[in-house]
């Protein structure tokens, strides 16, 4: 599937609906309040405040931005 990248990409919108407001956790089951890192799609990266990230554009990659507590703020592809 061809992904244009960004916040409006269908893949980003799909994951945005699933993740925003939930805490990304290392282990456990998905629930209304958390989502296990192991169930995120590949390729994916979780971006924490202050993280250094590469600027390479990979339209199939999911970028999950979280706050200091690990709660998802937004999702984009690229």
N, C-alpha and C. Protein backbone atom coordinates (compact mmCIF):
# COMPACT_ATOMS: atom_id res chain seq x y z
N UNK A 1 0.84 -1.19 0.00
CA UNK A 1 0.00 0.00 0.00
C UNK A 1 0.88 1.25 0.00
N UNK A 2 0.51 2.21 -0.76
CA UNK A 2 1.25 3.46 -0.86
C UNK A 2 0.78 4.42 0.22
N UNK A 3 1.71 4.94 1.04
CA UNK A 3 1.38 5.86 2.11
C UNK A 3 2.02 7.21 1.83
N UNK A 4 1.21 8.29 1.80
CA UNK A 4 1.78 9.61 1.56
C UNK A 4 2.58 10.15 2.74
N UNK A 5 2.35 9.64 3.92
CA UNK A 5 3.06 10.10 5.11
C UNK A 5 2.34 11.25 5.79
N UNK A 6 2.64 11.45 7.07
CA UNK A 6 2.09 12.55 7.83
C UNK A 6 0.90 12.16 8.69
N UNK A 7 0.24 13.19 9.23
CA UNK A 7 -0.89 12.98 10.13
C UNK A 7 -2.15 12.54 9.41
N UNK A 8 -2.29 12.90 8.13
CA UNK A 8 -3.50 12.58 7.39
C UNK A 8 -3.43 11.27 6.63
N UNK A 9 -2.32 10.58 6.72
CA UNK A 9 -2.18 9.28 6.09
C UNK A 9 -3.21 8.32 6.70
N UNK A 10 -3.89 7.51 5.89
CA UNK A 10 -4.89 6.58 6.43
C UNK A 10 -4.33 5.66 7.53
N UNK A 11 -3.09 5.22 7.37
CA UNK A 11 -2.46 4.37 8.37
C UNK A 11 -2.28 5.14 9.69
N UNK A 12 -1.85 6.39 9.60
CA UNK A 12 -1.68 7.23 10.79
C UNK A 12 -3.03 7.45 11.47
N UNK A 13 -4.06 7.72 10.70
CA UNK A 13 -5.39 7.95 11.27
C UNK A 13 -5.89 6.71 11.99
N UNK A 14 -5.65 5.54 11.40
CA UNK A 14 -6.07 4.27 12.00
C UNK A 14 -5.42 4.09 13.37
N UNK A 15 -4.11 4.30 13.44
CA UNK A 15 -3.39 4.13 14.70
C UNK A 15 -3.68 5.26 15.67
N UNK A 16 -3.95 6.45 15.17
CA UNK A 16 -4.32 7.59 16.02
C UNK A 16 -5.56 7.22 16.83
N UNK A 17 -6.56 6.65 16.15
CA UNK A 17 -7.81 6.25 16.82
C UNK A 17 -7.56 5.22 17.92
N UNK A 18 -6.62 4.31 17.68
CA UNK A 18 -6.33 3.24 18.63
C UNK A 18 -5.51 3.71 19.83
N UNK A 19 -4.63 4.69 19.62
CA UNK A 19 -3.60 4.98 20.61
C UNK A 19 -3.71 6.28 21.39
N UNK A 20 -4.21 7.34 20.80
CA UNK A 20 -4.17 8.65 21.48
C UNK A 20 -4.91 8.57 22.82
N UNK A 21 -4.20 9.03 23.86
CA UNK A 21 -4.75 9.02 25.21
C UNK A 21 -4.37 7.79 26.02
N UNK A 22 -3.82 6.77 25.36
CA UNK A 22 -3.39 5.56 26.05
C UNK A 22 -1.91 5.63 26.37
N UNK A 23 -1.51 4.93 27.41
CA UNK A 23 -0.11 4.86 27.80
C UNK A 23 0.53 3.67 27.10
N UNK A 24 1.70 3.89 26.49
CA UNK A 24 2.46 2.80 25.89
C UNK A 24 3.23 2.11 27.02
N UNK A 25 3.01 0.80 27.15
CA UNK A 25 3.66 0.03 28.22
C UNK A 25 4.53 -1.06 27.61
N UNK A 26 5.53 -1.49 28.34
CA UNK A 26 6.43 -2.54 27.86
C UNK A 26 5.74 -3.89 27.82
N UNK A 27 4.97 -4.22 28.85
CA UNK A 27 4.28 -5.51 28.92
C UNK A 27 2.84 -5.30 29.35
N UNK A 28 2.04 -6.33 29.18
CA UNK A 28 0.64 -6.26 29.58
C UNK A 28 -0.27 -6.39 28.37
N UNK A 29 -1.53 -6.25 28.62
CA UNK A 29 -2.54 -6.38 27.57
C UNK A 29 -3.09 -5.01 27.20
N UNK A 30 -3.59 -4.94 25.97
CA UNK A 30 -4.23 -3.70 25.52
C UNK A 30 -5.52 -3.49 26.32
N UNK A 31 -5.78 -2.24 26.66
CA UNK A 31 -7.01 -1.90 27.39
C UNK A 31 -7.43 -0.49 27.00
N UNK A 32 -8.41 0.03 27.71
CA UNK A 32 -8.86 1.39 27.44
C UNK A 32 -7.83 2.44 27.83
N UNK A 33 -6.85 2.05 28.68
CA UNK A 33 -5.89 3.02 29.18
C UNK A 33 -4.45 2.75 28.78
N UNK A 34 -4.17 1.57 28.23
CA UNK A 34 -2.78 1.25 27.87
C UNK A 34 -2.71 0.41 26.60
N UNK A 35 -1.51 0.42 25.99
CA UNK A 35 -1.27 -0.36 24.78
C UNK A 35 0.16 -0.89 24.83
N UNK A 36 0.35 -2.22 24.71
CA UNK A 36 1.69 -2.78 24.79
C UNK A 36 2.54 -2.45 23.57
N UNK A 37 3.78 -2.09 23.83
CA UNK A 37 4.72 -1.73 22.76
C UNK A 37 4.88 -2.88 21.76
N UNK A 38 4.82 -4.11 22.24
CA UNK A 38 5.00 -5.28 21.37
C UNK A 38 3.90 -5.43 20.32
N UNK A 39 2.76 -4.76 20.52
CA UNK A 39 1.66 -4.86 19.56
C UNK A 39 1.64 -3.70 18.56
N UNK A 40 2.62 -2.83 18.63
CA UNK A 40 2.72 -1.75 17.64
C UNK A 40 3.21 -2.34 16.32
N UNK A 41 2.82 -1.75 15.20
CA UNK A 41 3.26 -2.27 13.91
C UNK A 41 4.76 -2.05 13.69
N UNK A 42 5.33 -2.81 12.79
CA UNK A 42 6.73 -2.65 12.40
C UNK A 42 6.76 -2.15 10.97
N UNK A 43 7.46 -1.11 10.66
CA UNK A 43 8.33 -0.31 11.52
C UNK A 43 7.54 0.73 12.32
N UNK A 44 8.00 0.96 13.53
CA UNK A 44 7.38 1.94 14.42
C UNK A 44 8.45 2.49 15.36
N UNK A 45 8.28 3.74 15.75
CA UNK A 45 9.15 4.29 16.78
C UNK A 45 8.30 5.12 17.73
N UNK A 46 8.61 5.00 19.01
CA UNK A 46 7.95 5.77 20.05
C UNK A 46 8.88 6.93 20.38
N UNK A 47 8.37 8.14 20.23
CA UNK A 47 9.18 9.34 20.39
C UNK A 47 8.80 10.03 21.70
N UNK A 48 9.75 10.02 22.63
CA UNK A 48 9.55 10.64 23.94
C UNK A 48 10.07 12.07 23.91
N UNK A 49 9.62 12.93 24.85
CA UNK A 49 10.13 14.30 24.90
C UNK A 49 11.67 14.30 25.00
N UNK A 50 12.30 15.12 24.18
CA UNK A 50 13.75 15.23 24.18
C UNK A 50 14.46 14.17 23.37
N UNK A 51 13.71 13.24 22.76
CA UNK A 51 14.34 12.19 21.95
C UNK A 51 14.97 12.78 20.71
N UNK A 52 16.08 12.22 20.32
CA UNK A 52 16.72 12.58 19.06
C UNK A 52 16.24 11.56 18.03
N UNK A 53 15.69 12.05 16.94
CA UNK A 53 15.19 11.17 15.89
C UNK A 53 15.83 11.54 14.56
N UNK A 54 16.00 10.54 13.73
CA UNK A 54 16.54 10.79 12.40
C UNK A 54 15.48 11.47 11.55
N UNK A 55 15.91 12.16 10.53
CA UNK A 55 14.99 12.88 9.66
C UNK A 55 14.67 12.12 8.38
N UNK A 56 15.12 10.86 8.29
CA UNK A 56 14.82 10.08 7.11
C UNK A 56 13.32 9.85 7.01
N UNK A 57 12.79 9.93 5.80
CA UNK A 57 11.36 9.79 5.58
C UNK A 57 11.06 8.38 5.13
N UNK A 58 10.30 7.66 5.94
CA UNK A 58 9.86 6.31 5.62
C UNK A 58 8.34 6.30 5.74
N UNK A 59 7.61 6.45 4.64
CA UNK A 59 6.17 6.62 4.70
C UNK A 59 5.42 5.46 5.35
N UNK A 60 6.02 4.28 5.41
CA UNK A 60 5.35 3.13 6.02
C UNK A 60 5.59 3.05 7.53
N UNK A 61 6.46 3.91 8.07
CA UNK A 61 6.79 3.87 9.50
C UNK A 61 5.79 4.69 10.31
N UNK A 62 5.37 4.12 11.42
CA UNK A 62 4.49 4.81 12.36
C UNK A 62 5.36 5.51 13.40
N UNK A 63 5.11 6.79 13.62
CA UNK A 63 5.78 7.58 14.65
C UNK A 63 4.75 7.91 15.73
N UNK A 64 4.97 7.40 16.92
CA UNK A 64 4.06 7.59 18.04
C UNK A 64 4.72 8.56 19.02
N UNK A 65 4.17 9.74 19.16
CA UNK A 65 4.72 10.75 20.06
C UNK A 65 4.01 10.66 21.40
N UNK A 66 4.81 10.53 22.47
CA UNK A 66 4.26 10.40 23.83
C UNK A 66 4.75 11.53 24.72
N UNK A 67 4.04 11.73 25.83
CA UNK A 67 4.48 12.72 26.82
C UNK A 67 5.43 12.05 27.81
N UNK A 68 5.81 12.75 28.85
CA UNK A 68 6.76 12.22 29.84
C UNK A 68 6.26 10.96 30.54
N UNK A 69 4.96 10.79 30.64
CA UNK A 69 4.38 9.61 31.29
C UNK A 69 4.16 8.45 30.33
N UNK A 70 4.46 8.65 29.04
CA UNK A 70 4.25 7.60 28.05
C UNK A 70 2.88 7.59 27.42
N UNK A 71 2.09 8.63 27.68
CA UNK A 71 0.75 8.72 27.09
C UNK A 71 0.86 9.29 25.68
N UNK A 72 0.18 8.64 24.74
CA UNK A 72 0.25 9.01 23.33
C UNK A 72 -0.44 10.36 23.09
N UNK A 73 0.30 11.28 22.46
CA UNK A 73 -0.21 12.60 22.11
C UNK A 73 -0.72 12.63 20.68
N UNK A 74 0.05 12.04 19.75
CA UNK A 74 -0.36 11.96 18.36
C UNK A 74 0.44 10.91 17.62
N UNK A 75 -0.07 10.56 16.44
CA UNK A 75 0.54 9.52 15.60
C UNK A 75 0.62 10.07 14.18
N UNK A 76 1.75 9.80 13.54
CA UNK A 76 1.92 10.18 12.13
C UNK A 76 2.77 9.10 11.46
N UNK A 77 2.78 9.12 10.16
CA UNK A 77 3.67 8.23 9.42
C UNK A 77 4.80 9.05 8.86
N UNK A 78 5.89 8.37 8.51
CA UNK A 78 7.01 9.09 7.88
C UNK A 78 8.35 8.77 8.45
